[in-house]
Amino acid sequence: MKLHLPKRWFNRLLCYAGCFGLVFQVTAAIHAWWYNIPLDYFWWMLLAPLLCLLSGLSPALQIQKEHH
């Protein structure tokens, strides 16, 4: 299974949303760690951005099928 940046707009939007979500979640986790705020479900919060990223990148999960 080869992963590549999609060409269709909705798949690309899912990739960008997933990347932004991952960066935001990691930044929020660093902030919480810095101020000693407990994050009990950190790994569950990463699930949504990862699913967005995978559904944009993986051909098997893409909503708009890419033409190669």
Protein backbone atom coordinates (compact mmCIF):
# COMPACT_ATOMS: atom_id res chain seq x y z
CA MET A 1 0.00 0.00 0.00
CA LYS A 2 1.69 3.16 -1.24
CA LEU A 3 0.93 6.42 0.56
CA HIS A 4 1.10 9.65 -1.41
CA LEU A 5 -0.43 13.13 -1.23
CA PRO A 6 -3.82 12.95 -2.96
CA LYS A 7 -4.83 15.07 -5.93
CA ARG A 8 -8.61 15.24 -5.32
CA TRP A 9 -9.73 18.20 -3.22
CA PHE A 10 -11.65 16.35 -0.50
CA ASN A 11 -8.90 13.79 0.07
CA ARG A 12 -6.35 16.59 0.24
CA LEU A 13 -8.59 18.46 2.70
CA LEU A 14 -8.71 15.38 4.93
CA CYS A 15 -4.90 15.17 4.83
CA TYR A 16 -4.51 18.80 5.81
CA ALA A 17 -7.12 18.48 8.57
CA GLY A 18 -5.34 15.41 9.92
CA CYS A 19 -1.93 17.12 9.88
CA PHE A 20 -3.34 20.21 11.58
CA GLY A 21 -5.13 18.04 14.15
CA LEU A 22 -1.98 16.10 14.99
CA VAL A 23 0.07 19.27 15.39
CA PHE A 24 -2.66 20.83 17.53
CA GLN A 25 -3.00 17.76 19.77
CA VAL A 26 0.76 17.47 20.29
CA THR A 27 0.98 21.20 21.07
CA ALA A 28 -1.90 20.89 23.55
CA ALA A 29 -0.20 17.88 25.17
CA ILE A 30 3.07 19.79 25.56
CA HIS A 31 1.16 22.71 27.06
CA ALA A 32 -0.65 20.38 29.48
CA TRP A 33 2.61 18.69 30.43
CA TRP A 34 4.29 22.06 31.00
CA TYR A 35 1.53 23.26 33.35
CA ASN A 36 1.02 19.84 35.01
CA ILE A 37 -2.49 19.37 33.64
CA PRO A 38 -3.34 15.65 33.52
CA LEU A 39 -4.40 14.26 30.16
CA ASP A 40 -6.03 10.93 30.88
CA TYR A 41 -7.18 10.17 27.34
CA PHE A 42 -4.39 11.63 25.22
CA TRP A 43 -4.14 8.60 22.91
CA TRP A 44 -7.89 8.69 22.25
CA MET A 45 -7.60 12.36 21.24
CA LEU A 46 -5.07 11.42 18.57
CA LEU A 47 -7.48 8.95 17.00
CA ALA A 48 -9.60 11.49 15.05
CA PRO A 49 -6.67 13.33 13.38
CA LEU A 50 -5.03 10.01 12.53
CA LEU A 51 -8.23 8.73 10.93
CA CYS A 52 -8.51 11.95 8.88
CA LEU A 53 -4.92 11.62 7.76
CA LEU A 54 -5.26 7.95 6.88
CA SER A 55 -8.54 8.41 5.03
CA GLY A 56 -6.92 11.10 2.92
CA LEU A 57 -3.69 9.22 2.23
CA SER A 58 -4.68 5.56 1.97
CA PRO A 59 -6.28 4.61 -1.36
CA ALA A 60 -8.40 1.96 0.35
CA LEU A 61 -9.98 4.54 2.68
CA GLN A 62 -10.35 7.51 0.31
CA ILE A 63 -13.83 8.94 -0.14
CA GLN A 64 -13.06 10.31 -3.62
CA LYS A 65 -11.22 7.68 -5.65
CA GLU A 66 -7.98 8.92 -7.19
CA HIS A 67 -7.34 8.34 -10.90
CA HIS A 68 -3.77 7.28 -11.54
